[in-house]
Every structure is written in structure tokens, then in C-alpha cells.
Amino acid sequence: MTSGPLAARWFRVIATFEAISWTALLIAMFLKWVVHAPHEGGVPVVGMVHGIGFVVYLVSTVWAGLALRWSPGNVLAGLAAGVPPFGTVVFERWMLRRGGLTTRSARSSSAAASPSRG
């Protein structure tokens, strides 16, 4: 079994988690700075969870890019998508529509690269 389907599945899960953690961090920052909630509105804890999610997203992007044979430009776009809020979900949906999260494109490009034995 190739790592392509697993990498695609994990990439999608981690991209969604990273967006959810961004939402939680934005809410925590609102509570801290606007509402002046006690305990800093949870920013230290939520910020750490989001930071870990961000790093895991970067690793999963590189893994998916290698396993699914994304172009270097797509890998860089995926890495950059981790910076703005909800960019990971936008990138994940874009790659899903383009077929970049299926192993079919990886198989067809490897079949095209190998010489035929006829």
C-alpha cells in the first residue's frame, strides 16, 4: 500500500484542525483584548495548541506533496496557506477540486514517466 491515500486523508484532517484552532485562537484573543476576560482569555493554551497544529500542518503538507507528487509550487502554496486564518481549508478544497488529493494523478504521472515494455 502506498502512503498517498493516508497522506491525503491526514492532510485533510490536519488542514481542518488547523483552521479550527485558528478560530479558537481568534476567539481567545477577542476575549483577552476586547472583553478583558480573566486568565488572558485562554490565549496561552489555545495559542500553544494552534502552534502545534500549525507545525503539524506544515509537516503534513510536505508529506502529502511528496506522496501525491504535487508540484513544488503547490507545496509552497500549501505551506503559505497555513499563515492566514482559514487558508488551510481554502487550499485543501482547491487541491481537492484539482484532483491533487487523489492517488490517481500520482499513478498516472509515474506511469507516464516509466518506459513501456512492449
PDB file of N, CA and C in Angstrom:
ATOM      1  N   MET A   1       0.847  -1.189   0.000  1.00  0.00           N
ATOM      2  CA  MET A   1       0.000   0.000   0.000  1.00  0.00           C
ATOM      3  C   MET A   1       0.883   1.240   0.000  1.00  0.00           C
ATOM      4  N   THR A   2       0.565   2.178  -0.844  1.00  0.00           N
ATOM      5  CA  THR A   2       1.346   3.409  -0.894  1.00  0.00           C
ATOM      6  C   THR A   2       0.879   4.370   0.188  1.00  0.00           C
ATOM      7  N   SER A   3       1.694   5.354   0.464  1.00  0.00           N
ATOM      8  CA  SER A   3       1.346   6.319   1.503  1.00  0.00           C
ATOM      9  C   SER A   3       0.455   7.441   0.984  1.00  0.00           C
ATOM     10  N   GLY A   4       0.158   7.448  -0.315  1.00  0.00           N
ATOM     11  CA  GLY A   4      -0.649   8.519  -0.899  1.00  0.00           C
ATOM     12  C   GLY A   4      -2.014   8.700  -0.272  1.00  0.00           C
ATOM     13  N   PRO A   5      -2.846   7.630  -0.196  1.00  0.00           N
ATOM     14  CA  PRO A   5      -4.175   7.805   0.410  1.00  0.00           C
ATOM     15  C   PRO A   5      -4.101   8.229   1.874  1.00  0.00           C
ATOM     16  N   LEU A   6      -3.151   7.663   2.607  1.00  0.00           N
ATOM     17  CA  LEU A   6      -3.004   8.031   4.015  1.00  0.00           C
ATOM     18  C   LEU A   6      -2.554   9.487   4.144  1.00  0.00           C
ATOM     19  N   ALA A   7      -1.617   9.894   3.312  1.00  0.00           N
ATOM     20  CA  ALA A   7      -1.138  11.283   3.352  1.00  0.00           C
ATOM     21  C   ALA A   7      -2.262  12.244   3.007  1.00  0.00           C
ATOM     22  N   ALA A   8      -3.082  11.905   2.008  1.00  0.00           N
ATOM     23  CA  ALA A   8      -4.201  12.770   1.617  1.00  0.00           C
ATOM     24  C   ALA A   8      -5.216  12.881   2.745  1.00  0.00           C
ATOM     25  N   ARG A   9      -5.529  11.764   3.370  1.00  0.00           N
ATOM     26  CA  ARG A   9      -6.507  11.763   4.467  1.00  0.00           C
ATOM     27  C   ARG A   9      -5.994  12.593   5.641  1.00  0.00           C
ATOM     28  N   TRP A  10      -4.742  12.370   6.035  1.00  0.00           N
ATOM     29  CA  TRP A  10      -4.182  13.125   7.142  1.00  0.00           C
ATOM     30  C   TRP A  10      -4.075  14.609   6.812  1.00  0.00           C
ATOM     31  N   PHE A  11      -3.704  14.923   5.576  1.00  0.00           N
ATOM     32  CA  PHE A  11      -3.614  16.324   5.185  1.00  0.00           C
ATOM     33  C   PHE A  11      -4.963  17.014   5.361  1.00  0.00           C
ATOM     34  N   ARG A  12      -6.024  16.357   4.923  1.00  0.00           N
ATOM     35  CA  ARG A  12      -7.359  16.957   5.033  1.00  0.00           C
ATOM     36  C   ARG A  12      -7.766  17.149   6.488  1.00  0.00           C
ATOM     37  N   VAL A  13      -7.489  16.165   7.337  1.00  0.00           N
ATOM     38  CA  VAL A  13      -7.831  16.266   8.758  1.00  0.00           C
ATOM     39  C   VAL A  13      -7.033  17.386   9.422  1.00  0.00           C
ATOM     40  N   ILE A  14      -5.747  17.426   9.158  1.00  0.00           N
ATOM     41  CA  ILE A  14      -4.882  18.424   9.801  1.00  0.00           C
ATOM     42  C   ILE A  14      -5.217  19.828   9.289  1.00  0.00           C
ATOM     43  N   ALA A  15      -5.526  19.970   8.002  1.00  0.00           N
ATOM     44  CA  ALA A  15      -5.903  21.286   7.463  1.00  0.00           C
ATOM     45  C   ALA A  15      -7.158  21.807   8.160  1.00  0.00           C
ATOM     46  N   THR A  16      -8.111  20.924   8.395  1.00  0.00           N
ATOM     47  CA  THR A  16      -9.341  21.319   9.090  1.00  0.00           C
ATOM     48  C   THR A  16      -9.050  21.652  10.547  1.00  0.00           C
ATOM     49  N   PHE A  17      -8.241  20.821  11.205  1.00  0.00           N
ATOM     50  CA  PHE A  17      -7.882  21.092  12.608  1.00  0.00           C
ATOM     51  C   PHE A  17      -7.175  22.437  12.739  1.00  0.00           C
ATOM     52  N   GLU A  18      -6.283  22.744  11.819  1.00  0.00           N
ATOM     53  CA  GLU A  18      -5.539  23.997  11.889  1.00  0.00           C
ATOM     54  C   GLU A  18      -6.495  25.183  11.766  1.00  0.00           C
ATOM     55  N   ALA A  19      -7.492  25.074  10.899  1.00  0.00           N
ATOM     56  CA  ALA A  19      -8.479  26.148  10.756  1.00  0.00           C
ATOM     57  C   ALA A  19      -9.334  26.284  12.017  1.00  0.00           C
ATOM     58  N   ILE A  20      -9.693  25.164  12.619  1.00  0.00           N
ATOM     59  CA  ILE A  20     -10.473  25.209  13.860  1.00  0.00           C
ATOM     60  C   ILE A  20      -9.647  25.837  14.980  1.00  0.00           C
ATOM     61  N   SER A  21      -8.371  25.480  15.049  1.00  0.00           N
ATOM     62  CA  SER A  21      -7.524  26.057  16.100  1.00  0.00           C
ATOM     63  C   SER A  21      -7.322  27.556  15.868  1.00  0.00           C
ATOM     64  N   TRP A  22      -7.293  27.987  14.603  1.00  0.00           N
ATOM     65  CA  TRP A  22      -7.227  29.426  14.294  1.00  0.00           C
ATOM     66  C   TRP A  22      -8.467  30.118  14.843  1.00  0.00           C
ATOM     67  N   THR A  23      -9.634  29.502  14.618  1.00  0.00           N
ATOM     68  CA  THR A  23     -10.884  30.076  15.113  1.00  0.00           C
ATOM     69  C   THR A  23     -10.851  30.204  16.627  1.00  0.00           C
ATOM     70  N   ALA A  24     -10.402  29.140  17.297  1.00  0.00           N
ATOM     71  CA  ALA A  24     -10.315  29.173  18.757  1.00  0.00           C
ATOM     72  C   ALA A  24      -9.354  30.267  19.222  1.00  0.00           C
ATOM     73  N   LEU A  25      -8.245  30.426  18.529  1.00  0.00           N
ATOM     74  CA  LEU A  25      -7.278  31.459  18.907  1.00  0.00           C
ATOM     75  C   LEU A  25      -7.855  32.857  18.693  1.00  0.00           C
ATOM     76  N   LEU A  26      -8.564  33.063  17.601  1.00  0.00           N
ATOM     77  CA  LEU A  26      -9.191  34.371  17.368  1.00  0.00           C
ATOM     78  C   LEU A  26     -10.216  34.690  18.452  1.00  0.00           C
ATOM     79  N   ILE A  27     -10.996  33.687  18.859  1.00  0.00           N
ATOM     80  CA  ILE A  27     -11.980  33.882  19.934  1.00  0.00           C
ATOM     81  C   ILE A  27     -11.262  34.199  21.245  1.00  0.00           C
ATOM     82  N   ALA A  28     -10.194  33.446  21.542  1.00  0.00           N
ATOM     83  CA  ALA A  28      -9.446  33.688  22.777  1.00  0.00           C
ATOM     84  C   ALA A  28      -8.837  35.087  22.796  1.00  0.00           C
ATOM     85  N   MET A  29      -8.303  35.527  21.649  1.00  0.00           N
ATOM     86  CA  MET A  29      -7.731  36.878  21.586  1.00  0.00           C
ATOM     87  C   MET A  29      -8.815  37.937  21.760  1.00  0.00           C
ATOM     88  N   PHE A  30      -9.992  37.696  21.198  1.00  0.00           N
ATOM     89  CA  PHE A  30     -11.119  38.613  21.391  1.00  0.00           C
ATOM     90  C   PHE A  30     -11.468  38.703  22.875  1.00  0.00           C
ATOM     91  N   LEU A  31     -11.542  37.546  23.528  1.00  0.00           N
ATOM     92  CA  LEU A  31     -11.862  37.535  24.960  1.00  0.00           C
ATOM     93  C   LEU A  31     -10.798  38.263  25.773  1.00  0.00           C
ATOM     94  N   LYS A  32      -9.544  38.095  25.399  1.00  0.00           N
ATOM     95  CA  LYS A  32      -8.456  38.736  26.143  1.00  0.00           C
ATOM     96  C   LYS A  32      -8.448  40.242  25.938  1.00  0.00           C
ATOM     97  N   TRP A  33      -8.508  40.681  24.684  1.00  0.00           N
ATOM     98  CA  TRP A  33      -8.284  42.094  24.383  1.00  0.00           C
ATOM     99  C   TRP A  33      -9.542  42.948  24.368  1.00  0.00           C
ATOM    100  N   VAL A  34     -10.682  42.364  24.051  1.00  0.00           N
ATOM    101  CA  VAL A  34     -11.914  43.165  23.966  1.00  0.00           C
ATOM    102  C   VAL A  34     -12.758  43.003  25.225  1.00  0.00           C
ATOM    103  N   VAL A  35     -12.963  41.773  25.649  1.00  0.00           N
ATOM    104  CA  VAL A  35     -13.807  41.511  26.810  1.00  0.00           C
ATOM    105  C   VAL A  35     -13.003  41.626  28.109  1.00  0.00           C
ATOM    106  N   HIS A  36     -11.687  41.537  28.012  1.00  0.00           N
ATOM    107  CA  HIS A  36     -10.788  41.568  29.177  1.00  0.00           C
ATOM    108  C   HIS A  36     -11.113  40.430  30.132  1.00  0.00           C
ATOM    109  N   ALA A  37     -11.214  39.241  29.571  1.00  0.00           N
ATOM    110  CA  ALA A  37     -11.524  38.052  30.354  1.00  0.00           C
ATOM    111  C   ALA A  37     -10.363  37.705  31.277  1.00  0.00           C
ATOM    112  N   PRO A  38     -10.688  37.068  32.403  1.00  0.00           N
ATOM    113  CA  PRO A  38      -9.598  36.647  33.295  1.00  0.00           C
ATOM    114  C   PRO A  38      -8.775  35.525  32.651  1.00  0.00           C
ATOM    115  N   HIS A  39      -7.602  35.319  33.178  1.00  0.00           N
ATOM    116  CA  HIS A  39      -6.706  34.261  32.700  1.00  0.00           C
ATOM    117  C   HIS A  39      -6.344  34.447  31.233  1.00  0.00           C
ATOM    118  N   GLU A  40      -6.252  35.688  30.818  1.00  0.00           N
ATOM    119  CA  GLU A  40      -5.841  36.043  29.456  1.00  0.00           C
ATOM    120  C   GLU A  40      -6.734  35.429  28.387  1.00  0.00           C
ATOM    121  N   GLY A  41      -7.952  35.081  28.732  1.00  0.00           N
ATOM    122  CA  GLY A  41      -8.904  34.551  27.758  1.00  0.00           C
ATOM    123  C   GLY A  41      -8.507  33.204  27.188  1.00  0.00           C
ATOM    124  N   GLY A  42      -7.556  32.528  27.800  1.00  0.00           N
ATOM    125  CA  GLY A  42      -7.119  31.222  27.309  1.00  0.00           C
ATOM    126  C   GLY A  42      -6.095  31.277  26.194  1.00  0.00           C
ATOM    127  N   VAL A  43      -5.595  32.472  25.906  1.00  0.00           N
ATOM    128  CA  VAL A  43      -4.662  32.628  24.785  1.00  0.00           C
ATOM    129  C   VAL A  43      -3.412  31.750  24.906  1.00  0.00           C
ATOM    130  N   PRO A  44      -2.784  31.648  26.076  1.00  0.00           N
ATOM    131  CA  PRO A  44      -1.575  30.807  26.132  1.00  0.00           C
ATOM    132  C   PRO A  44      -1.833  29.344  25.762  1.00  0.00           C
ATOM    133  N   VAL A  45      -2.903  28.777  26.258  1.00  0.00           N
ATOM    134  CA  VAL A  45      -3.195  27.363  25.976  1.00  0.00           C
ATOM    135  C   VAL A  45      -3.642  27.185  24.533  1.00  0.00           C
ATOM    136  N   VAL A  46      -4.586  27.998  24.106  1.00  0.00           N
ATOM    137  CA  VAL A  46      -5.092  27.884  22.732  1.00  0.00           C
ATOM    138  C   VAL A  46      -3.988  28.228  21.742  1.00  0.00           C
ATOM    139  N   GLY A  47      -3.158  29.195  22.093  1.00  0.00           N
ATOM    140  CA  GLY A  47      -2.041  29.562  21.220  1.00  0.00           C
ATOM    141  C   GLY A  47      -1.053  28.418  21.043  1.00  0.00           C
ATOM    142  N   MET A  48      -0.793  27.681  22.124  1.00  0.00           N
ATOM    143  CA  MET A  48       0.122  26.545  22.015  1.00  0.00           C
ATOM    144  C   MET A  48      -0.495  25.435  21.162  1.00  0.00           C
ATOM    145  N   VAL A  49      -1.775  25.166  21.372  1.00  0.00           N
ATOM    146  CA  VAL A  49      -2.455  24.141  20.565  1.00  0.00           C
ATOM    147  C   VAL A  49      -2.419  24.533  19.089  1.00  0.00           C
ATOM    148  N   HIS A  50      -2.693  25.799  18.812  1.00  0.00           N
ATOM    149  CA  HIS A  50      -2.660  26.268  17.430  1.00  0.00           C
ATOM    150  C   HIS A  50      -1.237  26.182  16.850  1.00  0.00           C
ATOM    151  N   GLY A  51      -0.252  26.543  17.642  1.00  0.00           N
ATOM    152  CA  GLY A  51       1.137  26.478  17.174  1.00  0.00           C
ATOM    153  C   GLY A  51       1.548  25.059  16.823  1.00  0.00           C
ATOM    154  N   ILE A  52       1.176  24.110  17.667  1.00  0.00           N
ATOM    155  CA  ILE A  52       1.478  22.701  17.379  1.00  0.00           C
ATOM    156  C   ILE A  52       0.727  22.266  16.122  1.00  0.00           C
ATOM    157  N   GLY A  53      -0.540  22.667  16.018  1.00  0.00           N
ATOM    158  CA  GLY A  53      -1.321  22.334  14.821  1.00  0.00           C
ATOM    159  C   GLY A  53      -0.709  22.915  13.561  1.00  0.00           C
ATOM    160  N   PHE A  54      -0.170  24.120  13.656  1.00  0.00           N
ATOM    161  CA  PHE A  54       0.468  24.766  12.516  1.00  0.00           C
ATOM    162  C   PHE A  54       1.694  23.972  12.057  1.00  0.00           C
ATOM    163  N   VAL A  55       2.533  23.570  13.008  1.00  0.00           N
ATOM    164  CA  VAL A  55       3.734  22.799  12.664  1.00  0.00           C
ATOM    165  C   VAL A  55       3.340  21.447  12.065  1.00  0.00           C
ATOM    166  N   VAL A  56       2.345  20.797  12.646  1.00  0.00           N
ATOM    167  CA  VAL A  56       1.882  19.509  12.105  1.00  0.00           C
ATOM    168  C   VAL A  56       1.310  19.713  10.699  1.00  0.00           C
ATOM    169  N   TYR A  57       0.625  20.835  10.476  1.00  0.00           N
ATOM    170  CA  TYR A  57       0.107  21.133   9.137  1.00  0.00           C
ATOM    171  C   TYR A  57       1.258  21.274   8.138  1.00  0.00           C
ATOM    172  N   LEU A  58       2.316  21.969   8.517  1.00  0.00           N
ATOM    173  CA  LEU A  58       3.459  22.125   7.613  1.00  0.00           C
ATOM    174  C   LEU A  58       4.057  20.769   7.251  1.00  0.00           C
ATOM    175  N   VAL A  59       4.223  19.909   8.253  1.00  0.00           N
ATOM    176  CA  VAL A  59       4.779  18.575   8.007  1.00  0.00           C
ATOM    177  C   VAL A  59       3.844  17.766   7.122  1.00  0.00           C
ATOM    178  N   SER A  60       2.531  17.825   7.402  1.00  0.00           N
ATOM    179  CA  SER A  60       1.583  17.044   6.596  1.00  0.00           C
ATOM    180  C   SER A  60       1.510  17.565   5.164  1.00  0.00           C
ATOM    181  N   THR A  61       1.739  18.869   4.972  1.00  0.00           N
ATOM    182  CA  THR A  61       1.743  19.430   3.621  1.00  0.00           C
ATOM    183  C   THR A  61       2.922  18.886   2.819  1.00  0.00           C
ATOM    184  N   VAL A  62       4.089  18.860   3.444  1.00  0.00           N
ATOM    185  CA  VAL A  62       5.270  18.327   2.756  1.00  0.00           C
ATOM    186  C   VAL A  62       5.077  16.840   2.475  1.00  0.00           C
ATOM    187  N   TRP A  63       4.571  16.096   3.460  1.00  0.00           N
ATOM    188  CA  TRP A  63       4.327  14.662   3.276  1.00  0.00           C
ATOM    189  C   TRP A  63       3.336  14.414   2.133  1.00  0.00           C
ATOM    190  N   ALA A  64       2.210  15.133   2.145  1.00  0.00           N
ATOM    191  CA  ALA A  64       1.217  14.963   1.075  1.00  0.00           C
ATOM    192  C   ALA A  64       1.814  15.374  -0.265  1.00  0.00           C
ATOM    193  N   GLY A  65       2.575  16.454  -0.283  1.00  0.00           N
ATOM    194  CA  GLY A  65       3.189  16.909  -1.529  1.00  0.00           C
ATOM    195  C   GLY A  65       4.111  15.866  -2.131  1.00  0.00           C
ATOM    196  N   LEU A  66       4.897  15.209  -1.278  1.00  0.00           N
ATOM    197  CA  LEU A  66       5.796  14.164  -1.764  1.00  0.00           C
ATOM    198  C   LEU A  66       5.024  12.907  -2.167  1.00  0.00           C
ATOM    199  N   ALA A  67       4.096  12.471  -1.316  1.00  0.00           N
ATOM    200  CA  ALA A  67       3.361  11.232  -1.565  1.00  0.00           C
ATOM    201  C   ALA A  67       2.443  11.349  -2.778  1.00  0.00           C
ATOM    202  N   LEU A  68       1.867  12.534  -2.985  1.00  0.00           N
ATOM    203  CA  LEU A  68       0.911  12.719  -4.077  1.00  0.00           C
ATOM    204  C   LEU A  68       1.529  13.424  -5.283  1.00  0.00           C
ATOM    205  N   ARG A  69       2.828  13.652  -5.204  1.00  0.00           N
ATOM    206  CA  ARG A  69       3.595  14.243  -6.307  1.00  0.00           C
ATOM    207  C   ARG A  69       3.068  15.614  -6.757  1.00  0.00           C
ATOM    208  N   TRP A  70       2.877  16.491  -5.775  1.00  0.00           N
ATOM    209  CA  TRP A  70       2.489  17.853  -6.091  1.00  0.00           C
ATOM    210  C   TRP A  70       3.688  18.575  -6.700  1.00  0.00           C
ATOM    211  N   SER A  71       3.407  19.597  -7.469  1.00  0.00           N
ATOM    212  CA  SER A  71       4.492  20.433  -7.990  1.00  0.00           C
ATOM    213  C   SER A  71       5.091  21.221  -6.823  1.00  0.00           C
ATOM    214  N   PRO A  72       6.347  21.650  -6.967  1.00  0.00           N
ATOM    215  CA  PRO A  72       6.936  22.482  -5.901  1.00  0.00           C
ATOM    216  C   PRO A  72       6.110  23.735  -5.617  1.00  0.00           C
ATOM    217  N   GLY A  73       5.510  24.307  -6.647  1.00  0.00           N
ATOM    218  CA  GLY A  73       4.663  25.487  -6.453  1.00  0.00           C
ATOM    219  C   GLY A  73       3.442  25.195  -5.599  1.00  0.00           C
ATOM    220  N   ASN A  74       2.841  24.015  -5.806  1.00  0.00           N
ATOM    221  CA  ASN A  74       1.688  23.644  -4.993  1.00  0.00           C
ATOM    222  C   ASN A  74       2.097  23.400  -3.545  1.00  0.00           C
ATOM    223  N   VAL A  75       3.259  22.796  -3.336  1.00  0.00           N
ATOM    224  CA  VAL A  75       3.737  22.577  -1.966  1.00  0.00           C
ATOM    225  C   VAL A  75       3.968  23.925  -1.289  1.00  0.00           C
ATOM    226  N   LEU A  76       4.609  24.852  -1.977  1.00  0.00           N
ATOM    227  CA  LEU A  76       4.854  26.182  -1.403  1.00  0.00           C
ATOM    228  C   LEU A  76       3.540  26.914  -1.126  1.00  0.00           C
ATOM    229  N   ALA A  77       2.573  26.780  -2.045  1.00  0.00           N
ATOM    230  CA  ALA A  77       1.266  27.406  -1.823  1.00  0.00           C
ATOM    231  C   ALA A  77       0.591  26.795  -0.596  1.00  0.00           C
ATOM    232  N   GLY A  78       0.716  25.485  -0.435  1.00  0.00           N
ATOM    233  CA  GLY A  78       0.144  24.824   0.732  1.00  0.00           C
ATOM    234  C   GLY A  78       0.794  25.288   2.019  1.00  0.00           C
ATOM    235  N   LEU A  79       2.114  25.442   1.999  1.00  0.00           N
ATOM    236  CA  LEU A  79       2.811  25.936   3.184  1.00  0.00           C
ATOM    237  C   LEU A  79       2.389  27.369   3.499  1.00  0.00           C
ATOM    238  N   ALA A  80       2.278  28.195   2.486  1.00  0.00           N
ATOM    239  CA  ALA A  80       1.859  29.588   2.686  1.00  0.00           C
ATOM    240  C   ALA A  80       0.417  29.673   3.157  1.00  0.00           C
ATOM    241  N   ALA A  81      -0.408  28.701   2.780  1.00  0.00           N
ATOM    242  CA  ALA A  81      -1.823  28.705   3.178  1.00  0.00           C
ATOM    243  C   ALA A  81      -1.995  28.541   4.680  1.00  0.00           C
ATOM    244  N   GLY A  82      -0.962  28.079   5.363  1.00  0.00           N
ATOM    245  CA  GLY A  82      -1.049  27.935   6.806  1.00  0.00           C
ATOM    246  C   GLY A  82      -0.959  29.249   7.555  1.00  0.00           C
ATOM    247  N   VAL A  83      -0.561  30.311   6.894  1.00  0.00           N
ATOM    248  CA  VAL A  83      -0.353  31.590   7.573  1.00  0.00           C
ATOM    249  C   VAL A  83      -1.652  32.363   7.788  1.00  0.00           C
ATOM    250  N   PRO A  84      -2.451  32.645   6.757  1.00  0.00           N
ATOM    251  CA  PRO A  84      -3.680  33.410   7.018  1.00  0.00           C
ATOM    252  C   PRO A  84      -4.751  32.526   7.652  1.00  0.00           C
ATOM    253  N   PRO A  85      -5.623  33.124   8.449  1.00  0.00           N
ATOM    254  CA  PRO A  85      -6.710  32.331   9.027  1.00  0.00           C
ATOM    255  C   PRO A  85      -7.535  31.649   7.939  1.00  0.00           C
ATOM    256  N   PHE A  86      -7.795  30.383   8.128  1.00  0.00           N
ATOM    257  CA  PHE A  86      -8.637  29.552   7.261  1.00  0.00           C
ATOM    258  C   PHE A  86      -8.038  29.287   5.884  1.00  0.00           C
ATOM    259  N   GLY A  87      -6.814  29.686   5.671  1.00  0.00           N
ATOM    260  CA  GLY A  87      -6.159  29.430   4.394  1.00  0.00           C
ATOM    261  C   GLY A  87      -5.958  27.946   4.133  1.00  0.00           C
ATOM    262  N   THR A  88      -5.794  27.173   5.194  1.00  0.00           N
ATOM    263  CA  THR A  88      -5.589  25.736   5.020  1.00  0.00           C
ATOM    264  C   THR A  88      -6.806  25.064   4.411  1.00  0.00           C
ATOM    265  N   VAL A  89      -7.990  25.497   4.818  1.00  0.00           N
ATOM    266  CA  VAL A  89      -9.223  24.905   4.280  1.00  0.00           C
ATOM    267  C   VAL A  89      -9.410  25.335   2.830  1.00  0.00           C
ATOM    268  N   VAL A  90      -9.109  26.591   2.537  1.00  0.00           N
ATOM    269  CA  VAL A  90      -9.213  27.070   1.155  1.00  0.00           C
ATOM    270  C   VAL A  90      -8.272  26.274   0.263  1.00  0.00           C
ATOM    271  N   PHE A  91      -7.030  26.076   0.705  1.00  0.00           N
ATOM    272  CA  PHE A  91      -6.057  25.321  -0.088  1.00  0.00           C
ATOM    273  C   PHE A  91      -6.490  23.861  -0.229  1.00  0.00           C
ATOM    274  N   GLU A  92      -6.950  23.259   0.860  1.00  0.00           N
ATOM    275  CA  GLU A  92      -7.380  21.858   0.815  1.00  0.00           C
ATOM    276  C   GLU A  92      -8.529  21.669  -0.174  1.00  0.00           C
ATOM    277  N   ARG A  93      -9.496  22.562  -0.148  1.00  0.00           N
ATOM    278  CA  ARG A  93     -10.633  22.472  -1.089  1.00  0.00           C
ATOM    279  C   ARG A  93     -10.163  22.675  -2.523  1.00  0.00           C
ATOM    280  N   TRP A  94      -9.225  23.596  -2.724  1.00  0.00           N
ATOM    281  CA  TRP A  94      -8.693  23.865  -4.060  1.00  0.00           C
ATOM    282  C   TRP A  94      -7.981  22.631  -4.603  1.00  0.00           C
ATOM    283  N   MET A  95      -7.141  22.009  -3.760  1.00  0.00           N
ATOM    284  CA  MET A  95      -6.435  20.800  -4.201  1.00  0.00           C
ATOM    285  C   MET A  95      -7.401  19.640  -4.433  1.00  0.00           C
ATOM    286  N   LEU A  96      -8.442  19.557  -3.644  1.00  0.00           N
ATOM    287  CA  LEU A  96      -9.441  18.507  -3.834  1.00  0.00           C
ATOM    288  C   LEU A  96     -10.135  18.670  -5.187  1.00  0.00           C
ATOM    289  N   ARG A  97     -10.516  19.908  -5.529  1.00  0.00           N
ATOM    290  CA  ARG A  97     -11.165  20.168  -6.819  1.00  0.00           C
ATOM    291  C   ARG A  97     -10.239  19.890  -8.000  1.00  0.00           C
ATOM    292  N   ARG A  98      -8.955  20.162  -7.830  1.00  0.00           N
ATOM    293  CA  ARG A  98      -7.979  19.951  -8.910  1.00  0.00           C
ATOM    294  C   ARG A  98      -7.535  18.499  -9.026  1.00  0.00           C
ATOM    295  N   GLY A  99      -7.934  17.646  -8.076  1.00  0.00           N
ATOM    296  CA  GLY A  99      -7.526  16.251  -8.105  1.00  0.00           C
ATOM    297  C   GLY A  99      -6.185  16.012  -7.438  1.00  0.00           C
ATOM    298  N   GLY A 100      -5.664  16.991  -6.728  1.00  0.00           N
ATOM    299  CA  GLY A 100      -4.372  16.861  -6.086  1.00  0.00           C
ATOM    300  C   GLY A 100      -4.374  16.034  -4.815  1.00  0.00           C
ATOM    301  N   LEU A 101      -5.559  15.608  -4.373  1.00  0.00           N
ATOM    302  CA  LEU A 101      -5.636  14.782  -3.173  1.00  0.00           C
ATOM    303  C   LEU A 101      -6.068  13.362  -3.501  1.00  0.00           C
ATOM    304  N   THR A 102      -5.856  12.970  -4.744  1.00  0.00           N
ATOM    305  CA  THR A 102      -6.126  11.591  -5.143  1.00  0.00           C
ATOM    306  C   THR A 102      -4.830  10.953  -5.590  1.00  0.00           C
ATOM    307  N   THR A 103      -4.757   9.644  -5.458  1.00  0.00           N
ATOM    308  CA  THR A 103      -3.541   8.957  -5.876  1.00  0.00           C
ATOM    309  C   THR A 103      -3.551   8.670  -7.364  1.00  0.00           C
ATOM    310  N   ARG A 104      -4.670   8.897  -8.013  1.00  0.00           N
ATOM    311  CA  ARG A 104      -4.757   8.663  -9.451  1.00  0.00           C
ATOM    312  C   ARG A 104      -3.749   9.524 -10.204  1.00  0.00           C
ATOM    313  N   SER A 105      -3.631  10.801  -9.805  1.00  0.00           N
ATOM    314  CA  SER A 105      -2.689  11.683 -10.502  1.00  0.00           C
ATOM    315  C   SER A 105      -1.250  11.242 -10.257  1.00  0.00           C
ATOM    316  N   ALA A 106      -0.955  10.724  -9.077  1.00  0.00           N
ATOM    317  CA  ALA A 106       0.398  10.244  -8.786  1.00  0.00           C
ATOM    318  C   ALA A 106       0.715   8.999  -9.607  1.00  0.00           C
ATOM    319  N   ARG A 107      -0.270   8.106  -9.738  1.00  0.00           N
ATOM    320  CA  ARG A 107      -0.044   6.892 -10.519  1.00  0.00           C
ATOM    321  C   ARG A 107       0.114   7.202 -11.999  1.00  0.00           C
ATOM    322  N   SER A 108      -0.721   8.104 -12.509  1.00  0.00           N
ATOM    323  CA  SER A 108      -0.642   8.391 -13.937  1.00  0.00           C
ATOM    324  C   SER A 108       0.667   9.092 -14.286  1.00  0.00           C
ATOM    325  N   SER A 109       1.169   9.950 -13.378  1.00  0.00           N
ATOM    326  CA  SER A 109       2.433  10.616 -13.691  1.00  0.00           C
ATOM    327  C   SER A 109       3.602   9.640 -13.601  1.00  0.00           C
ATOM    328  N   SER A 110       3.525   8.659 -12.695  1.00  0.00           N
ATOM    329  CA  SER A 110       4.618   7.677 -12.629  1.00  0.00           C
ATOM    330  C   SER A 110       4.539   6.710 -13.799  1.00  0.00           C
ATOM    331  N   ALA A 111       3.325   6.403 -14.249  1.00  0.00           N
ATOM    332  CA  ALA A 111       3.189   5.514 -15.414  1.00  0.00           C
ATOM    333  C   ALA A 111       3.684   6.218 -16.665  1.00  0.00           C
ATOM    334  N   ALA A 112       3.450   7.509 -16.766  1.00  0.00           N
ATOM    335  CA  ALA A 112       3.907   8.246 -17.936  1.00  0.00           C
ATOM    336  C   ALA A 112       5.432   8.374 -17.932  1.00  0.00           C
ATOM    337  N   ALA A 113       6.016   8.410 -16.751  1.00  0.00           N
ATOM    338  CA  ALA A 113       7.461   8.576 -16.652  1.00  0.00           C
ATOM    339  C   ALA A 113       8.215   7.271 -16.921  1.00  0.00           C
ATOM    340  N   SER A 114       7.570   6.133 -16.692  1.00  0.00           N
ATOM    341  CA  SER A 114       8.282   4.868 -16.876  1.00  0.00           C
ATOM    342  C   SER A 114       8.196   4.433 -18.347  1.00  0.00           C
ATOM    343  N   PRO A 115       9.256   3.863 -18.877  1.00  0.00           N
ATOM    344  CA  PRO A 115       9.219   3.424 -20.280  1.00  0.00           C
ATOM    345  C   PRO A 115       8.321   2.199 -20.408  1.00  0.00           C
ATOM    346  N   SER A 116       7.661   2.124 -21.542  1.00  0.00           N
ATOM    347  CA  SER A 116       6.767   0.979 -21.761  1.00  0.00           C
ATOM    348  C   SER A 116       7.582  -0.261 -22.134  1.00  0.00           C
ATOM    349  N   ARG A 117       7.080  -1.386 -21.741  1.00  0.00           N
ATOM    350  CA  ARG A 117       7.766  -2.667 -22.046  1.00  0.00           C
ATOM    351  C   ARG A 117       6.971  -3.379 -23.115  1.00  0.00           C
ATOM    352  N   GLY A 118       7.135  -3.058 -24.291  1.00  0.00           N
ATOM    353  CA  GLY A 118       6.309  -3.664 -25.312  1.00  0.00           C
ATOM    354  C   GLY A 118       7.001  -4.417 -26.298  1.00  0.00           C
TER     355      GLY A 118
END
